[in-house]
Amino acid sequence: MSFQGKNILIVGASSGIGYALARTLETEGAVLFTASRTAPENLKSQHITWDVTQPATGIFDVLPDILHGIVYAPGTISLKPFQRFSTADFQADFQINVLGAVAVLQANLGRLRKANGASIVLFSTVAVQTGMGFHASIATSKGAIEGLTRSLAAEFAAAKIRCNALAPSLTDTPLASGLLSSDEKREASAKRHPLGRVGTPDDVASAAKWLLSDEASWVTGQIIGVDGGIGKLK
């Protein structure tokens, strides 16, 4: 699986799944471009400082004319009882998870079209298809991502642009640190998954890499669970 000479933009590559994916793509020869508030460390990439909460899109003009792939990895984990969520909470999650992705894709659609075979990878969550208490806000915004994924896959198919999303369960990233902050919490989370552990960034990054690759050239419009079985198994 070679990415030699392919231009890939990863939004949110400074940590977690985005960083794990960037590292593995670097070893495969990809030409990496990253966008986030802070630049990823120890990574050969052209970095664009970009804040998803204030998504000025003109800054992407520095990118090359052709992009072979875009990965939008920013996310949120805001869990609490439904009645404690404010409208502002829902809006904040929607901005980061959905509107940020829309801004990036609209700014770079022309670059994807010129690739004559490009791939978009977005991120949902297992909590969209599997009802989970206290997940109302994140499930709402990630549910929108699933709708966006299928819609764009249909709209862009003629341009040979594929669009898919991954739906992870709990993954050991800085974003999830509060949910895995003790041995007891980690063990309880592991036991909820049929495969007996929480995910690693590399687990999800491997699936994203496949979706970006030519090996997945006949795959589009899919929401793929990378969730240790929790989404489908009892």
Protein backbone atom coordinates (compact mmCIF):
# COMPACT_ATOMS: atom_id res chain seq x y z
CA MET A 1 0.00 0.00 0.00
CA SER A 2 2.05 2.92 -1.29
CA PHE A 3 1.19 6.60 -1.09
CA GLN A 4 4.34 7.68 -2.89
CA GLY A 5 3.87 11.19 -4.23
CA LYS A 6 0.22 11.49 -3.16
CA ASN A 7 -0.86 14.79 -1.61
CA ILE A 8 -2.88 14.20 1.55
CA LEU A 9 -4.42 16.85 3.80
CA ILE A 10 -5.08 15.81 7.40
CA VAL A 11 -7.05 18.24 9.54
CA GLY A 12 -6.39 17.51 13.20
CA ALA A 13 -3.03 15.73 12.91
CA SER A 14 -1.43 17.16 16.04
CA SER A 15 -2.52 14.25 18.27
CA GLY A 16 -4.61 11.10 18.53
CA ILE A 17 -5.92 9.33 15.45
CA GLY A 18 -4.93 12.11 13.06
CA TYR A 19 -1.34 12.02 14.27
CA ALA A 20 -1.16 8.22 14.08
CA LEU A 21 -2.45 8.34 10.52
CA ALA A 22 0.01 11.07 9.53
CA ARG A 23 2.92 9.05 10.88
CA THR A 24 2.02 5.93 8.94
CA LEU A 25 1.33 7.87 5.73
CA GLU A 26 4.71 9.54 6.06
CA THR A 27 6.41 6.13 6.05
CA GLU A 28 4.40 5.24 2.93
CA GLY A 29 5.78 8.21 1.01
CA ALA A 30 2.81 10.58 1.14
CA VAL A 31 3.29 14.31 0.76
CA LEU A 32 1.57 15.53 3.91
CA PHE A 33 -0.26 18.75 4.59
CA THR A 34 -1.71 19.33 8.04
CA ALA A 35 -4.10 21.88 9.48
CA SER A 36 -4.84 22.54 13.15
CA ARG A 37 -4.20 25.11 15.85
CA THR A 38 -0.83 23.55 16.71
CA ALA A 39 1.65 21.88 14.39
CA PRO A 40 2.29 18.16 14.85
CA GLU A 41 5.69 17.34 16.30
CA ASN A 42 8.30 15.14 14.60
CA LEU A 43 6.36 15.02 11.36
CA LYS A 44 7.40 16.14 7.89
CA SER A 45 4.45 18.15 6.71
CA GLN A 46 3.50 21.58 5.49
CA HIS A 47 1.42 22.91 8.33
CA ILE A 48 -1.43 25.40 8.12
CA THR A 49 -2.49 27.04 11.38
CA TRP A 50 -6.28 26.74 11.34
CA ASP A 51 -8.91 27.02 14.07
CA VAL A 52 -12.04 25.00 13.38
CA THR A 53 -14.10 27.34 15.54
CA GLN A 54 -13.14 30.28 13.27
CA PRO A 55 -12.80 28.54 9.91
CA ALA A 56 -11.33 31.09 7.49
CA THR A 57 -10.87 29.02 4.33
CA GLY A 58 -8.62 31.30 2.27
CA ILE A 59 -5.60 29.92 4.09
CA PHE A 60 -5.91 26.71 2.07
CA ASP A 61 -4.82 28.63 -1.04
CA VAL A 62 -1.23 27.61 -0.23
CA LEU A 63 -2.03 23.96 -1.00
CA PRO A 64 -1.05 22.37 -4.32
CA ASP A 65 -3.53 22.21 -7.19
CA ILE A 66 -4.19 18.50 -6.62
CA LEU A 67 -5.15 16.69 -3.42
CA HIS A 68 -5.51 12.92 -3.47
CA GLY A 69 -7.09 12.71 -0.04
CA ILE A 70 -8.60 14.73 2.79
CA VAL A 71 -9.06 13.45 6.32
CA TYR A 72 -11.09 15.52 8.78
CA ALA A 73 -10.21 14.25 12.25
CA PRO A 74 -11.26 16.91 14.81
CA GLY A 75 -13.87 15.75 17.29
CA THR A 76 -15.46 16.31 20.66
CA ILE A 77 -16.50 14.21 23.63
CA SER A 78 -19.11 16.10 25.60
CA LEU A 79 -21.11 13.71 27.76
CA LYS A 80 -23.81 14.68 30.26
CA PRO A 81 -27.54 14.27 30.85
CA PHE A 82 -29.68 15.70 28.07
CA GLN A 83 -31.31 18.36 30.26
CA ARG A 84 -27.90 19.80 31.14
CA PHE A 85 -26.95 20.47 27.52
CA SER A 86 -27.46 24.06 26.43
CA THR A 87 -28.18 25.13 22.89
CA ALA A 88 -24.65 26.55 22.87
CA ASP A 89 -23.28 23.08 23.71
CA PHE A 90 -25.02 21.58 20.68
CA GLN A 91 -23.84 24.45 18.49
CA ALA A 92 -20.23 24.08 19.64
CA ASP A 93 -20.18 20.35 18.89
CA PHE A 94 -21.83 20.93 15.52
CA GLN A 95 -19.28 23.60 14.60
CA ILE A 96 -16.31 21.36 15.33
CA ASN A 97 -17.68 18.10 13.99
CA VAL A 98 -19.74 19.20 11.00
CA LEU A 99 -19.32 22.80 9.89
CA GLY A 100 -15.54 22.58 10.12
CA ALA A 101 -15.60 19.58 7.78
CA VAL A 102 -17.92 21.42 5.39
CA ALA A 103 -15.57 24.42 5.31
CA VAL A 104 -12.50 22.29 4.57
CA LEU A 105 -14.21 20.29 1.83
CA GLN A 106 -15.75 23.30 0.12
CA ALA A 107 -12.38 25.09 0.12
CA ASN A 108 -10.61 22.11 -1.45
CA LEU A 109 -13.17 20.44 -3.72
CA GLY A 110 -11.47 21.69 -6.86
CA ARG A 111 -8.20 20.12 -5.75
CA LEU A 112 -9.91 16.77 -5.16
CA ARG A 113 -11.57 16.85 -8.59
CA LYS A 114 -8.19 17.25 -10.30
CA ALA A 115 -6.86 14.05 -8.74
CA ASN A 116 -9.05 11.85 -10.96
CA GLY A 117 -9.60 9.51 -8.06
CA ALA A 118 -9.57 11.08 -4.59
CA SER A 119 -10.76 9.98 -1.16
CA ILE A 120 -12.44 11.83 1.71
CA VAL A 121 -12.42 10.26 5.17
CA LEU A 122 -14.67 11.66 7.90
CA PHE A 123 -15.33 10.47 11.45
CA SER A 124 -18.58 9.50 13.10
CA THR A 125 -19.01 7.55 16.35
CA VAL A 126 -20.48 4.23 17.40
CA ALA A 127 -23.01 6.25 19.43
CA VAL A 128 -24.92 7.27 16.28
CA GLN A 129 -26.13 3.79 15.31
CA THR A 130 -26.08 2.43 18.89
CA GLY A 131 -28.07 4.52 21.33
CA MET A 132 -25.95 5.51 24.33
CA GLY A 133 -27.07 7.63 27.23
CA PHE A 134 -25.49 11.05 27.79
CA HIS A 135 -24.31 11.17 24.15
CA ALA A 136 -27.11 13.41 22.82
CA SER A 137 -24.90 16.23 21.53
CA ILE A 138 -22.09 14.20 19.99
CA ALA A 139 -24.52 11.68 18.48
CA THR A 140 -26.50 14.53 16.92
CA SER A 141 -23.50 16.14 15.24
CA LYS A 142 -21.90 12.87 14.20
CA GLY A 143 -25.25 11.70 12.86
CA ALA A 144 -25.05 14.73 10.58
CA ILE A 145 -21.60 13.57 9.47
CA GLU A 146 -23.07 10.21 8.43
CA GLY A 147 -25.71 11.99 6.35
CA LEU A 148 -23.06 14.26 4.84
CA THR A 149 -20.88 11.26 4.00
CA ARG A 150 -23.58 9.50 2.02
CA SER A 151 -24.75 12.67 0.30
CA LEU A 152 -21.26 13.67 -0.83
CA ALA A 153 -20.48 10.12 -1.93
CA ALA A 154 -23.49 10.25 -4.25
CA GLU A 155 -22.81 13.77 -5.48
CA PHE A 156 -19.08 13.29 -6.11
CA ALA A 157 -19.10 9.77 -7.56
CA ALA A 158 -19.07 11.03 -11.14
CA ALA A 159 -15.92 13.01 -10.31
CA LYS A 160 -14.30 9.83 -8.94
CA ILE A 161 -14.18 11.28 -5.43
CA ARG A 162 -14.99 8.70 -2.77
CA CYS A 163 -16.38 9.71 0.64
CA ASN A 164 -16.54 7.37 3.63
CA ALA A 165 -16.66 7.68 7.40
CA LEU A 166 -15.30 5.66 10.28
CA ALA A 167 -17.37 5.17 13.43
CA PRO A 168 -15.01 4.35 16.30
CA SER A 169 -15.86 3.44 19.85
CA LEU A 170 -13.80 4.70 22.79
CA THR A 171 -10.21 5.16 21.63
CA ASP A 172 -7.19 5.91 23.80
CA THR A 173 -6.47 9.46 22.65
CA PRO A 174 -5.90 12.75 24.51
CA LEU A 175 -9.53 13.64 23.73
CA ALA A 176 -10.70 10.60 25.70
CA SER A 177 -8.25 10.98 28.58
CA GLY A 178 -10.96 11.88 31.08
CA LEU A 179 -12.82 8.65 30.37
CA LEU A 180 -9.65 6.57 30.84
CA SER A 181 -8.09 8.49 33.72
CA SER A 182 -7.77 5.56 36.12
CA ASP A 183 -7.14 1.83 35.98
CA GLU A 184 -10.70 1.24 37.16
CA LYS A 185 -12.20 3.36 34.37
CA ARG A 186 -9.95 1.75 31.77
CA GLU A 187 -10.87 -1.76 32.91
CA ALA A 188 -14.60 -0.98 32.96
CA SER A 189 -14.41 0.52 29.47
CA ALA A 190 -12.49 -2.48 28.17
CA LYS A 191 -15.06 -4.92 29.55
CA ARG A 192 -17.89 -3.17 27.68
CA HIS A 193 -16.28 -4.12 24.37
CA PRO A 194 -16.67 -7.71 23.12
CA LEU A 195 -12.98 -7.78 22.14
CA GLY A 196 -12.02 -6.84 25.70
CA ARG A 197 -10.17 -3.57 25.19
CA VAL A 198 -10.56 0.02 24.11
CA GLY A 199 -9.21 1.13 20.76
CA THR A 200 -5.80 2.56 19.98
CA PRO A 201 -5.14 5.43 17.57
CA ASP A 202 -3.41 2.96 15.26
CA ASP A 203 -6.52 0.74 15.15
CA VAL A 204 -8.54 3.56 13.63
CA ALA A 205 -5.69 5.06 11.61
CA SER A 206 -5.17 1.73 9.83
CA ALA A 207 -8.78 1.76 8.65
CA ALA A 208 -8.46 5.38 7.52
CA LYS A 209 -5.29 4.58 5.60
CA TRP A 210 -7.08 1.78 3.77
CA LEU A 211 -9.96 4.07 2.81
CA LEU A 212 -7.47 6.59 1.42
CA SER A 213 -5.64 3.94 -0.59
CA ASP A 214 -6.25 2.55 -4.07
CA GLU A 215 -7.12 -0.75 -2.40
CA ALA A 216 -10.44 0.83 -1.39
CA SER A 217 -11.09 2.34 -4.83
CA TRP A 218 -14.52 0.64 -5.08
CA VAL A 219 -15.70 1.73 -1.63
CA THR A 220 -17.77 4.87 -1.14
CA GLY A 221 -20.72 6.06 0.92
CA GLN A 222 -19.89 3.67 3.77
CA ILE A 223 -19.94 4.12 7.54
CA ILE A 224 -17.45 1.58 8.88
CA GLY A 225 -17.43 0.61 12.56
CA VAL A 226 -14.02 0.34 14.21
CA ASP A 227 -15.37 -0.37 17.64
CA GLY A 228 -14.22 -3.63 19.19
CA GLY A 229 -17.61 -5.13 18.39
CA ILE A 230 -19.63 -2.94 20.74
CA GLY A 231 -21.77 -1.51 17.96
CA LYS A 232 -23.13 -4.86 16.73
CA LEU A 233 -22.48 -7.57 19.32
CA LYS A 234 -23.80 -8.40 22.76
